[in-house]
Amino acid sequence: MLVLRFIGSLFLLGTVIAITSDLSRPHRAGTPAFASIHKHWSDLAPQTLAGAQKSVATRTHRVIWDPLIMSVLNVPAFVTFGGLAVLFLYLGRPRRRVEIFVN
């Protein structure tokens, strides 16, 4: 339980960092441009992105990478990290203790 809450907190931290990065970047016409995970990944480590694409394409069908995985990678980073944070924090929540008294 504690590990899931810790992982959820790390994803929540990633959410805050991603939204802060998106909002502090200069943008045109007054509308912020939210960066996707694909953009962050290609900026930080383009070789690993190409390696992941090649690995998925060789081990599975090519359709798996382009419409499926790319649709997830093109979602804004703060939405993806926020969704994962909510999921892990929900799974790691403390359970309600049920006390049963038997006479």
N, C-alpha and C. Protein backbone atom coordinates (compact mmCIF):
# COMPACT_ATOMS: atom_id res chain seq x y z
N MET A 1 0.81 -1.19 0.00
CA MET A 1 0.00 0.00 0.00
C MET A 1 0.86 1.27 0.00
N LEU A 2 1.85 1.26 0.85
CA LEU A 2 2.72 2.42 0.97
C LEU A 2 3.52 2.64 -0.31
N VAL A 3 3.92 1.56 -0.95
CA VAL A 3 4.70 1.66 -2.18
C VAL A 3 3.84 2.26 -3.29
N LEU A 4 2.58 1.85 -3.37
CA LEU A 4 1.68 2.39 -4.39
C LEU A 4 1.44 3.88 -4.18
N ARG A 5 1.29 4.29 -2.91
CA ARG A 5 1.12 5.72 -2.64
C ARG A 5 2.38 6.51 -2.97
N PHE A 6 3.54 5.92 -2.73
CA PHE A 6 4.80 6.58 -3.08
C PHE A 6 4.92 6.75 -4.59
N ILE A 7 4.61 5.70 -5.34
CA ILE A 7 4.66 5.77 -6.81
C ILE A 7 3.64 6.79 -7.31
N GLY A 8 2.45 6.80 -6.71
CA GLY A 8 1.44 7.79 -7.08
C GLY A 8 1.90 9.20 -6.79
N SER A 9 2.61 9.38 -5.70
CA SER A 9 3.15 10.71 -5.38
C SER A 9 4.21 11.14 -6.38
N LEU A 10 5.03 10.19 -6.85
CA LEU A 10 6.02 10.52 -7.87
C LEU A 10 5.34 10.92 -9.18
N PHE A 11 4.28 10.21 -9.57
CA PHE A 11 3.54 10.58 -10.77
C PHE A 11 2.86 11.94 -10.58
N LEU A 12 2.40 12.24 -9.36
CA LEU A 12 1.82 13.55 -9.09
C LEU A 12 2.87 14.64 -9.21
N LEU A 13 4.07 14.37 -8.75
CA LEU A 13 5.17 15.31 -8.91
C LEU A 13 5.49 15.52 -10.39
N GLY A 14 5.48 14.45 -11.17
CA GLY A 14 5.67 14.57 -12.61
C GLY A 14 4.58 15.39 -13.27
N THR A 15 3.36 15.27 -12.77
CA THR A 15 2.25 16.07 -13.28
C THR A 15 2.48 17.55 -13.04
N VAL A 16 2.89 17.88 -11.84
CA VAL A 16 3.15 19.29 -11.49
C VAL A 16 4.30 19.84 -12.31
N ILE A 17 5.35 19.06 -12.49
CA ILE A 17 6.49 19.51 -13.28
C ILE A 17 6.08 19.71 -14.74
N ALA A 18 5.30 18.78 -15.29
CA ALA A 18 4.88 18.89 -16.70
C ALA A 18 3.97 20.10 -16.92
N ILE A 19 3.01 20.34 -16.03
CA ILE A 19 2.10 21.47 -16.23
C ILE A 19 2.83 22.79 -16.01
N THR A 20 3.77 22.81 -15.07
CA THR A 20 4.56 24.03 -14.86
C THR A 20 5.44 24.32 -16.06
N SER A 21 6.03 23.29 -16.62
CA SER A 21 6.85 23.45 -17.81
C SER A 21 6.02 23.95 -18.99
N ASP A 22 4.82 23.41 -19.14
CA ASP A 22 3.96 23.82 -20.26
C ASP A 22 3.47 25.25 -20.10
N LEU A 23 3.13 25.64 -18.89
CA LEU A 23 2.58 26.98 -18.68
C LEU A 23 3.65 28.06 -18.64
N SER A 24 4.88 27.71 -18.31
CA SER A 24 5.93 28.72 -18.23
C SER A 24 6.63 28.93 -19.57
N ARG A 25 6.41 28.05 -20.51
CA ARG A 25 7.01 28.19 -21.84
C ARG A 25 6.28 29.28 -22.60
N PRO A 26 6.99 30.15 -23.31
CA PRO A 26 6.29 31.18 -24.09
C PRO A 26 5.47 30.54 -25.21
N HIS A 27 4.26 31.08 -25.40
CA HIS A 27 3.36 30.52 -26.40
C HIS A 27 2.74 31.65 -27.21
N ARG A 28 2.21 31.29 -28.35
CA ARG A 28 1.63 32.28 -29.26
C ARG A 28 0.14 32.39 -29.04
N ALA A 29 -0.38 33.56 -29.33
CA ALA A 29 -1.81 33.85 -29.35
C ALA A 29 -2.51 33.60 -28.01
N GLY A 30 -1.77 33.61 -26.93
CA GLY A 30 -2.39 33.52 -25.61
C GLY A 30 -2.88 32.13 -25.22
N THR A 31 -2.68 31.13 -26.04
CA THR A 31 -3.11 29.78 -25.68
C THR A 31 -1.87 28.93 -25.42
N PRO A 32 -1.84 28.26 -24.28
CA PRO A 32 -0.66 27.43 -23.98
C PRO A 32 -0.62 26.19 -24.86
N ALA A 33 0.56 25.78 -25.23
CA ALA A 33 0.75 24.56 -26.02
C ALA A 33 1.25 23.48 -25.06
N PHE A 34 0.45 22.47 -24.86
CA PHE A 34 0.82 21.40 -23.93
C PHE A 34 1.64 20.35 -24.67
N ALA A 35 2.80 20.04 -24.14
CA ALA A 35 3.71 19.08 -24.76
C ALA A 35 3.30 17.66 -24.41
N SER A 36 3.41 16.78 -25.39
CA SER A 36 3.07 15.39 -25.17
C SER A 36 4.28 14.62 -24.66
N ILE A 37 4.02 13.40 -24.23
CA ILE A 37 5.11 12.54 -23.78
C ILE A 37 6.04 12.24 -24.95
N HIS A 38 5.47 12.11 -26.13
CA HIS A 38 6.29 11.84 -27.32
C HIS A 38 7.28 12.98 -27.55
N LYS A 39 6.83 14.22 -27.39
CA LYS A 39 7.72 15.36 -27.58
C LYS A 39 8.82 15.38 -26.52
N HIS A 40 8.44 15.17 -25.27
CA HIS A 40 9.44 15.14 -24.19
C HIS A 40 10.44 14.02 -24.42
N TRP A 41 9.95 12.84 -24.81
CA TRP A 41 10.82 11.69 -25.02
C TRP A 41 11.76 11.93 -26.20
N SER A 42 11.23 12.50 -27.28
CA SER A 42 12.08 12.76 -28.45
C SER A 42 13.09 13.88 -28.18
N ASP A 43 12.77 14.82 -27.30
CA ASP A 43 13.73 15.87 -26.94
C ASP A 43 14.82 15.35 -26.02
N LEU A 44 14.45 14.49 -25.06
CA LEU A 44 15.42 14.04 -24.06
C LEU A 44 16.27 12.87 -24.53
N ALA A 45 15.65 11.88 -25.18
CA ALA A 45 16.39 10.68 -25.58
C ALA A 45 15.83 10.12 -26.88
N PRO A 46 16.19 10.73 -28.01
CA PRO A 46 15.61 10.26 -29.27
C PRO A 46 16.07 8.86 -29.66
N GLN A 47 17.25 8.43 -29.21
CA GLN A 47 17.71 7.09 -29.54
C GLN A 47 16.85 6.02 -28.87
N THR A 48 16.46 6.26 -27.64
CA THR A 48 15.63 5.27 -26.95
C THR A 48 14.23 5.22 -27.54
N LEU A 49 13.73 6.35 -28.00
CA LEU A 49 12.42 6.36 -28.67
C LEU A 49 12.48 5.56 -29.95
N ALA A 50 13.52 5.76 -30.74
CA ALA A 50 13.68 4.98 -31.98
C ALA A 50 13.88 3.51 -31.67
N GLY A 51 14.61 3.21 -30.61
CA GLY A 51 14.82 1.82 -30.21
C GLY A 51 13.53 1.15 -29.76
N ALA A 52 12.72 1.90 -29.02
CA ALA A 52 11.43 1.36 -28.58
C ALA A 52 10.51 1.12 -29.76
N GLN A 53 10.51 2.05 -30.69
CA GLN A 53 9.68 1.88 -31.89
C GLN A 53 10.13 0.67 -32.69
N LYS A 54 11.43 0.51 -32.87
CA LYS A 54 11.95 -0.63 -33.62
C LYS A 54 11.66 -1.94 -32.90
N SER A 55 11.80 -1.93 -31.59
CA SER A 55 11.56 -3.13 -30.81
C SER A 55 10.10 -3.57 -30.89
N VAL A 56 9.20 -2.62 -30.76
CA VAL A 56 7.77 -2.96 -30.85
C VAL A 56 7.42 -3.39 -32.26
N ALA A 57 8.00 -2.75 -33.26
CA ALA A 57 7.69 -3.10 -34.65
C ALA A 57 8.21 -4.48 -35.02
N THR A 58 9.35 -4.88 -34.46
CA THR A 58 9.89 -6.20 -34.81
C THR A 58 9.25 -7.33 -34.01
N ARG A 59 8.85 -7.05 -32.78
CA ARG A 59 8.28 -8.12 -31.94
C ARG A 59 6.78 -8.27 -32.11
N THR A 60 6.11 -7.23 -32.53
CA THR A 60 4.66 -7.29 -32.73
C THR A 60 4.36 -6.78 -34.14
N HIS A 61 3.09 -6.61 -34.40
CA HIS A 61 2.70 -6.06 -35.69
C HIS A 61 2.93 -4.55 -35.69
N ARG A 62 3.19 -3.97 -36.86
CA ARG A 62 3.47 -2.54 -36.95
C ARG A 62 2.27 -1.68 -36.55
N VAL A 63 1.09 -2.24 -36.64
CA VAL A 63 -0.13 -1.51 -36.28
C VAL A 63 -0.15 -1.19 -34.78
N ILE A 64 0.52 -2.00 -33.99
CA ILE A 64 0.54 -1.77 -32.54
C ILE A 64 1.22 -0.44 -32.22
N TRP A 65 2.32 -0.12 -32.91
CA TRP A 65 3.04 1.11 -32.58
C TRP A 65 2.29 2.35 -33.05
N ASP A 66 1.93 2.37 -34.34
CA ASP A 66 1.44 3.63 -34.89
C ASP A 66 0.08 4.05 -34.35
N PRO A 67 -0.99 3.34 -34.48
CA PRO A 67 -2.21 3.93 -33.93
C PRO A 67 -2.36 3.74 -32.42
N LEU A 68 -1.89 2.65 -31.86
CA LEU A 68 -2.15 2.40 -30.44
C LEU A 68 -1.19 3.13 -29.52
N ILE A 69 0.08 2.83 -29.63
CA ILE A 69 1.04 3.42 -28.70
C ILE A 69 1.22 4.91 -28.97
N MET A 70 1.22 5.31 -30.24
CA MET A 70 1.36 6.73 -30.56
C MET A 70 0.17 7.55 -30.07
N SER A 71 -1.01 6.97 -30.04
CA SER A 71 -2.16 7.72 -29.52
C SER A 71 -2.00 7.98 -28.02
N VAL A 72 -1.38 7.05 -27.30
CA VAL A 72 -1.12 7.28 -25.88
C VAL A 72 0.02 8.28 -25.70
N LEU A 73 1.04 8.19 -26.53
CA LEU A 73 2.19 9.08 -26.40
C LEU A 73 1.87 10.51 -26.82
N ASN A 74 0.84 10.72 -27.63
CA ASN A 74 0.50 12.07 -28.07
C ASN A 74 -0.45 12.81 -27.13
N VAL A 75 -0.88 12.16 -26.08
CA VAL A 75 -1.69 12.83 -25.05
C VAL A 75 -0.76 13.77 -24.28
N PRO A 76 -1.24 14.94 -23.85
CA PRO A 76 -0.36 15.83 -23.06
C PRO A 76 0.22 15.11 -21.84
N ALA A 77 1.43 15.45 -21.52
CA ALA A 77 2.16 14.73 -20.46
C ALA A 77 1.49 14.88 -19.11
N PHE A 78 0.96 16.06 -18.81
CA PHE A 78 0.36 16.23 -17.49
C PHE A 78 -0.92 15.41 -17.35
N VAL A 79 -1.63 15.16 -18.44
CA VAL A 79 -2.84 14.33 -18.38
C VAL A 79 -2.46 12.88 -18.11
N THR A 80 -1.43 12.39 -18.80
CA THR A 80 -1.00 11.01 -18.61
C THR A 80 -0.46 10.80 -17.20
N PHE A 81 0.42 11.68 -16.76
CA PHE A 81 0.97 11.54 -15.42
C PHE A 81 -0.11 11.73 -14.36
N GLY A 82 -1.03 12.64 -14.59
CA GLY A 82 -2.12 12.84 -13.63
C GLY A 82 -3.02 11.62 -13.53
N GLY A 83 -3.32 11.00 -14.67
CA GLY A 83 -4.13 9.79 -14.65
C GLY A 83 -3.45 8.65 -13.92
N LEU A 84 -2.15 8.48 -14.17
CA LEU A 84 -1.40 7.45 -13.46
C LEU A 84 -1.31 7.75 -11.97
N ALA A 85 -1.17 9.02 -11.61
CA ALA A 85 -1.13 9.41 -10.19
C ALA A 85 -2.44 9.07 -9.50
N VAL A 86 -3.55 9.40 -10.14
CA VAL A 86 -4.86 9.09 -9.55
C VAL A 86 -5.03 7.59 -9.40
N LEU A 87 -4.63 6.83 -10.41
CA LEU A 87 -4.76 5.37 -10.35
C LEU A 87 -3.94 4.78 -9.21
N PHE A 88 -2.67 5.16 -9.11
CA PHE A 88 -1.82 4.59 -8.07
C PHE A 88 -2.23 5.06 -6.68
N LEU A 89 -2.64 6.32 -6.55
CA LEU A 89 -3.08 6.80 -5.24
C LEU A 89 -4.38 6.13 -4.82
N TYR A 90 -5.25 5.84 -5.77
CA TYR A 90 -6.49 5.13 -5.46
C TYR A 90 -6.20 3.68 -5.04
N LEU A 91 -5.31 3.02 -5.78
CA LEU A 91 -4.98 1.64 -5.43
C LEU A 91 -4.24 1.54 -4.10
N GLY A 92 -3.51 2.56 -3.72
CA GLY A 92 -2.75 2.54 -2.47
C GLY A 92 -3.44 3.19 -1.30
N ARG A 93 -4.71 3.52 -1.45
CA ARG A 93 -5.42 4.19 -0.36
C ARG A 93 -5.56 3.25 0.84
N PRO A 94 -5.61 3.82 2.04
CA PRO A 94 -5.81 2.97 3.21
C PRO A 94 -7.23 2.41 3.22
N ARG A 95 -7.35 1.13 3.46
CA ARG A 95 -8.65 0.49 3.47
C ARG A 95 -9.36 0.76 4.79
N ARG A 96 -10.67 0.77 4.69
CA ARG A 96 -11.47 0.96 5.90
C ARG A 96 -11.44 -0.34 6.71
N ARG A 97 -11.19 -0.21 7.97
CA ARG A 97 -11.12 -1.39 8.84
C ARG A 97 -12.52 -1.77 9.27
N VAL A 98 -12.86 -3.02 9.08
CA VAL A 98 -14.17 -3.53 9.47
C VAL A 98 -13.98 -4.38 10.71
N GLU A 99 -14.68 -3.99 11.78
CA GLU A 99 -14.58 -4.76 13.02
C GLU A 99 -15.88 -5.52 13.22
N ILE A 100 -15.75 -6.81 13.38
CA ILE A 100 -16.91 -7.68 13.56
C ILE A 100 -16.84 -8.25 14.96
N PHE A 101 -17.91 -8.05 15.71
CA PHE A 101 -17.98 -8.58 17.06
C PHE A 101 -18.90 -9.78 17.06
N VAL A 102 -18.39 -10.88 17.54
CA VAL A 102 -19.19 -12.10 17.63
C VAL A 102 -19.35 -12.44 19.10
N ASN A 103 -20.61 -12.62 19.52
CA ASN A 103 -20.86 -12.95 20.94
C ASN A 103 -20.97 -14.43 21.11
